[in-house]
N, C-alpha and C. Protein backbone atom coordinates (compact mmCIF):
# COMPACT_ATOMS: atom_id res chain seq x y z
N UNK A 1 29.76 60.72 80.93
CA UNK A 1 29.54 62.01 81.51
C UNK A 1 28.38 61.96 82.51
N UNK A 2 27.33 61.24 82.16
CA UNK A 2 26.19 61.15 83.07
C UNK A 2 26.55 60.39 84.34
N UNK A 3 27.45 59.42 84.22
CA UNK A 3 27.91 58.70 85.42
C UNK A 3 28.68 59.64 86.34
N UNK A 4 29.48 60.52 85.77
CA UNK A 4 30.20 61.51 86.57
C UNK A 4 29.23 62.47 87.24
N UNK A 5 28.15 62.78 86.55
CA UNK A 5 27.13 63.65 87.13
C UNK A 5 26.44 62.95 88.29
N UNK A 6 26.15 61.65 88.15
CA UNK A 6 25.53 60.89 89.23
C UNK A 6 26.44 60.85 90.46
N UNK A 7 27.74 60.76 90.23
CA UNK A 7 28.71 60.71 91.33
C UNK A 7 29.06 62.10 91.85
N UNK A 8 28.37 63.12 91.32
CA UNK A 8 28.56 64.52 91.71
C UNK A 8 29.98 65.02 91.46
N UNK A 9 30.60 64.49 90.42
CA UNK A 9 31.93 64.97 90.03
C UNK A 9 31.81 66.11 89.02
N UNK A 10 30.70 66.18 88.33
CA UNK A 10 30.38 67.31 87.46
C UNK A 10 28.96 67.75 87.76
N UNK A 11 28.70 69.04 87.57
CA UNK A 11 27.36 69.55 87.88
C UNK A 11 26.34 69.29 86.78
N UNK A 12 26.80 69.34 85.55
CA UNK A 12 25.86 69.16 84.45
C UNK A 12 26.56 68.52 83.26
N UNK A 13 25.75 67.95 82.38
CA UNK A 13 26.27 67.29 81.19
C UNK A 13 25.47 67.76 79.98
N UNK A 14 26.16 67.85 78.86
CA UNK A 14 25.50 68.27 77.64
C UNK A 14 25.93 67.41 76.46
N UNK A 15 25.16 67.49 75.40
CA UNK A 15 25.44 66.73 74.18
C UNK A 15 25.27 67.64 72.97
N UNK A 16 25.59 67.10 71.82
CA UNK A 16 25.41 67.82 70.58
C UNK A 16 24.60 66.96 69.61
N UNK A 17 23.61 67.58 69.00
CA UNK A 17 22.80 66.95 67.95
C UNK A 17 21.99 65.75 68.40
N UNK A 18 21.54 65.70 69.64
CA UNK A 18 20.63 64.65 70.07
C UNK A 18 19.25 64.97 69.50
N UNK A 19 18.60 63.96 68.95
CA UNK A 19 17.25 64.10 68.46
C UNK A 19 16.24 63.69 69.52
N UNK A 20 14.97 63.80 69.19
CA UNK A 20 13.90 63.43 70.13
C UNK A 20 14.04 61.97 70.55
N UNK A 21 14.33 61.09 69.61
CA UNK A 21 14.49 59.67 69.93
C UNK A 21 15.61 59.44 70.94
N UNK A 22 16.74 60.13 70.74
CA UNK A 22 17.86 60.00 71.67
C UNK A 22 17.47 60.44 73.08
N UNK A 23 16.75 61.55 73.15
CA UNK A 23 16.34 62.08 74.46
C UNK A 23 15.34 61.15 75.15
N UNK A 24 14.46 60.53 74.37
CA UNK A 24 13.50 59.59 74.94
C UNK A 24 14.21 58.37 75.53
N UNK A 25 15.21 57.85 74.82
CA UNK A 25 15.99 56.72 75.33
C UNK A 25 16.67 57.11 76.64
N UNK A 26 17.26 58.29 76.66
CA UNK A 26 17.93 58.76 77.88
C UNK A 26 16.93 58.93 79.02
N UNK A 27 15.78 59.49 78.72
CA UNK A 27 14.75 59.71 79.73
C UNK A 27 14.30 58.38 80.35
N UNK A 28 14.20 57.34 79.55
CA UNK A 28 13.76 56.03 80.03
C UNK A 28 14.87 55.23 80.70
N UNK A 29 16.09 55.72 80.67
CA UNK A 29 17.23 54.98 81.23
C UNK A 29 17.43 55.22 82.72
N UNK A 30 16.65 56.10 83.30
CA UNK A 30 16.74 56.43 84.73
C UNK A 30 18.06 57.08 85.12
N UNK A 31 18.72 57.66 84.16
CA UNK A 31 19.94 58.42 84.43
C UNK A 31 19.55 59.89 84.55
N UNK A 32 20.46 60.69 85.10
CA UNK A 32 20.14 62.13 85.17
C UNK A 32 19.90 62.69 83.77
N UNK A 33 19.04 63.67 83.68
CA UNK A 33 18.76 64.29 82.39
C UNK A 33 19.87 65.27 82.05
N UNK A 34 20.07 65.49 80.79
CA UNK A 34 21.07 66.43 80.30
C UNK A 34 20.70 67.85 80.67
N UNK A 35 21.69 68.72 80.66
CA UNK A 35 21.43 70.13 80.89
C UNK A 35 21.33 70.90 79.58
N UNK A 36 22.13 70.49 78.58
CA UNK A 36 22.21 71.23 77.32
C UNK A 36 22.25 70.28 76.13
N UNK A 37 21.54 70.64 75.07
CA UNK A 37 21.63 69.93 73.80
C UNK A 37 21.98 70.98 72.74
N UNK A 38 23.16 70.87 72.17
CA UNK A 38 23.60 71.81 71.15
C UNK A 38 23.08 71.33 69.80
N UNK A 39 22.31 72.18 69.13
CA UNK A 39 21.67 71.78 67.87
C UNK A 39 21.92 72.82 66.78
N UNK A 40 21.96 72.35 65.55
CA UNK A 40 22.04 73.26 64.41
C UNK A 40 20.65 73.79 64.10
N UNK A 41 20.53 75.10 63.98
CA UNK A 41 19.22 75.71 63.75
C UNK A 41 19.40 76.92 62.86
N UNK A 42 18.51 77.06 61.91
CA UNK A 42 18.52 78.20 61.03
C UNK A 42 17.12 78.79 60.97
N UNK A 43 16.99 80.09 60.77
CA UNK A 43 15.66 80.70 60.71
C UNK A 43 14.77 80.10 59.64
N UNK A 44 15.33 79.63 58.54
CA UNK A 44 14.53 79.08 57.44
C UNK A 44 14.36 77.57 57.54
N UNK A 45 14.95 76.94 58.54
CA UNK A 45 14.86 75.49 58.70
C UNK A 45 14.87 75.14 60.18
N UNK A 46 13.72 75.25 60.81
CA UNK A 46 13.66 75.04 62.25
C UNK A 46 13.08 73.67 62.58
N UNK A 47 13.69 73.02 63.54
CA UNK A 47 13.23 71.71 63.99
C UNK A 47 12.51 71.92 65.33
N UNK A 48 11.24 72.24 65.26
CA UNK A 48 10.50 72.56 66.48
C UNK A 48 10.28 71.35 67.38
N UNK A 49 10.30 70.14 66.81
CA UNK A 49 10.11 68.94 67.64
C UNK A 49 11.19 68.82 68.70
N UNK A 50 12.45 68.96 68.32
CA UNK A 50 13.54 68.82 69.28
C UNK A 50 13.55 69.99 70.26
N UNK A 51 13.23 71.18 69.79
CA UNK A 51 13.19 72.34 70.68
C UNK A 51 12.11 72.15 71.74
N UNK A 52 10.93 71.71 71.33
CA UNK A 52 9.84 71.47 72.28
C UNK A 52 10.17 70.34 73.25
N UNK A 53 10.79 69.28 72.75
CA UNK A 53 11.18 68.15 73.61
C UNK A 53 12.18 68.61 74.67
N UNK A 54 13.16 69.39 74.25
CA UNK A 54 14.14 69.91 75.21
C UNK A 54 13.45 70.79 76.25
N UNK A 55 12.59 71.67 75.79
CA UNK A 55 11.88 72.58 76.70
C UNK A 55 11.05 71.80 77.72
N UNK A 56 10.34 70.76 77.27
CA UNK A 56 9.50 69.97 78.18
C UNK A 56 10.31 69.19 79.20
N UNK A 57 11.57 68.89 78.88
CA UNK A 57 12.42 68.12 79.79
C UNK A 57 13.44 68.98 80.53
N UNK A 58 13.30 70.29 80.45
CA UNK A 58 14.19 71.18 81.18
C UNK A 58 15.61 71.23 80.63
N UNK A 59 15.75 70.98 79.34
CA UNK A 59 17.06 70.98 78.69
C UNK A 59 17.20 72.27 77.88
N UNK A 60 18.32 72.95 78.05
CA UNK A 60 18.59 74.17 77.29
C UNK A 60 19.01 73.79 75.88
N UNK A 61 18.42 74.43 74.88
CA UNK A 61 18.84 74.25 73.48
C UNK A 61 19.86 75.32 73.15
N UNK A 62 21.07 74.89 72.85
CA UNK A 62 22.14 75.82 72.48
C UNK A 62 22.33 75.71 70.97
N UNK A 63 22.23 76.83 70.28
CA UNK A 63 22.20 76.83 68.82
C UNK A 63 23.57 77.14 68.22
N UNK A 64 23.90 76.41 67.16
CA UNK A 64 25.08 76.74 66.36
C UNK A 64 24.68 76.78 64.90
N UNK A 65 25.49 77.34 64.06
CA UNK A 65 25.25 77.48 62.61
C UNK A 65 24.01 78.31 62.30
N UNK A 66 23.72 79.28 63.13
CA UNK A 66 22.51 80.06 62.92
C UNK A 66 22.51 80.75 61.55
N UNK A 67 23.62 81.36 61.19
CA UNK A 67 23.73 82.03 59.89
C UNK A 67 24.88 81.40 59.11
N UNK A 68 24.81 80.11 58.87
CA UNK A 68 25.89 79.39 58.21
C UNK A 68 26.19 79.95 56.82
N UNK A 69 25.17 80.42 56.15
CA UNK A 69 25.37 81.01 54.82
C UNK A 69 25.16 82.52 54.91
N UNK A 70 26.24 83.25 54.83
CA UNK A 70 26.15 84.71 54.93
C UNK A 70 25.35 85.31 53.79
N UNK A 71 25.24 84.60 52.66
CA UNK A 71 24.49 85.13 51.52
C UNK A 71 23.02 85.37 51.87
N UNK A 72 22.51 84.66 52.82
CA UNK A 72 21.12 84.85 53.26
C UNK A 72 20.92 86.26 53.80
N UNK A 73 21.93 86.79 54.45
CA UNK A 73 21.83 88.12 55.04
C UNK A 73 21.72 89.22 53.98
N UNK A 74 22.05 88.91 52.74
CA UNK A 74 21.98 89.89 51.65
C UNK A 74 20.76 89.70 50.75
N UNK A 75 19.81 88.90 51.18
CA UNK A 75 18.61 88.64 50.40
C UNK A 75 17.85 89.95 50.16
N UNK A 76 17.40 90.22 48.92
CA UNK A 76 16.70 91.47 48.61
C UNK A 76 15.45 91.69 49.46
N UNK A 77 14.66 90.65 49.67
CA UNK A 77 13.46 90.80 50.50
C UNK A 77 13.82 91.16 51.93
N UNK A 78 14.87 90.53 52.44
CA UNK A 78 15.33 90.81 53.79
C UNK A 78 15.81 92.26 53.90
N UNK A 79 16.45 92.75 52.86
CA UNK A 79 16.91 94.15 52.84
C UNK A 79 15.71 95.11 52.93
N UNK A 80 14.61 94.78 52.26
CA UNK A 80 13.40 95.60 52.34
C UNK A 80 12.88 95.64 53.78
N UNK A 81 12.89 94.47 54.42
CA UNK A 81 12.44 94.41 55.81
C UNK A 81 13.37 95.19 56.73
N UNK A 82 14.67 95.20 56.42
CA UNK A 82 15.63 95.98 57.21
C UNK A 82 15.22 97.45 57.23
N UNK A 83 14.89 97.98 56.05
CA UNK A 83 14.50 99.38 55.96
C UNK A 83 13.16 99.63 56.64
N UNK A 84 12.23 98.74 56.42
CA UNK A 84 10.89 98.91 56.99
C UNK A 84 10.92 98.91 58.52
N UNK A 85 11.67 97.97 59.11
CA UNK A 85 11.68 97.83 60.56
C UNK A 85 12.93 98.40 61.23
N UNK A 86 13.80 99.03 60.43
CA UNK A 86 15.01 99.67 60.92
C UNK A 86 15.86 98.74 61.78
N UNK A 87 16.18 97.59 61.21
CA UNK A 87 17.02 96.62 61.90
C UNK A 87 18.00 95.99 60.93
N UNK A 88 18.93 95.24 61.46
CA UNK A 88 19.88 94.53 60.62
C UNK A 88 19.23 93.23 60.13
N UNK A 89 19.84 92.62 59.14
CA UNK A 89 19.33 91.34 58.63
C UNK A 89 19.27 90.29 59.73
N UNK A 90 20.31 90.22 60.54
CA UNK A 90 20.35 89.25 61.64
C UNK A 90 19.22 89.51 62.63
N UNK A 91 18.98 90.77 62.97
CA UNK A 91 17.90 91.08 63.91
C UNK A 91 16.54 90.69 63.35
N UNK A 92 16.32 90.96 62.07
CA UNK A 92 15.05 90.61 61.44
C UNK A 92 14.84 89.09 61.45
N UNK A 93 15.87 88.33 61.10
CA UNK A 93 15.75 86.87 61.08
C UNK A 93 15.49 86.29 62.47
N UNK A 94 16.09 86.87 63.48
CA UNK A 94 15.92 86.34 64.84
C UNK A 94 14.54 86.62 65.41
N UNK A 95 13.88 87.63 64.93
CA UNK A 95 12.55 87.95 65.45
C UNK A 95 11.54 87.08 64.77
């Protein structure tokens, strides 16, 4: 994909689940940098290292599996916060 980007056959290239080590190898390879890295991220389990690495290299972090377990949205403590801040469980977790 990166070779196609170098030949200007595609405008941008993206990957899924690249870690900091993968991005460092790519950065040192003198190839064009990626545009997007799709990563699994949850409010209770955040990998700030990869997010910061992407940000420093101009790579967009695209998130999947944000609320993989719907049971989290029914947590009693989260319900209290819903009432206090007048928002949904998803809105509270995202803030």
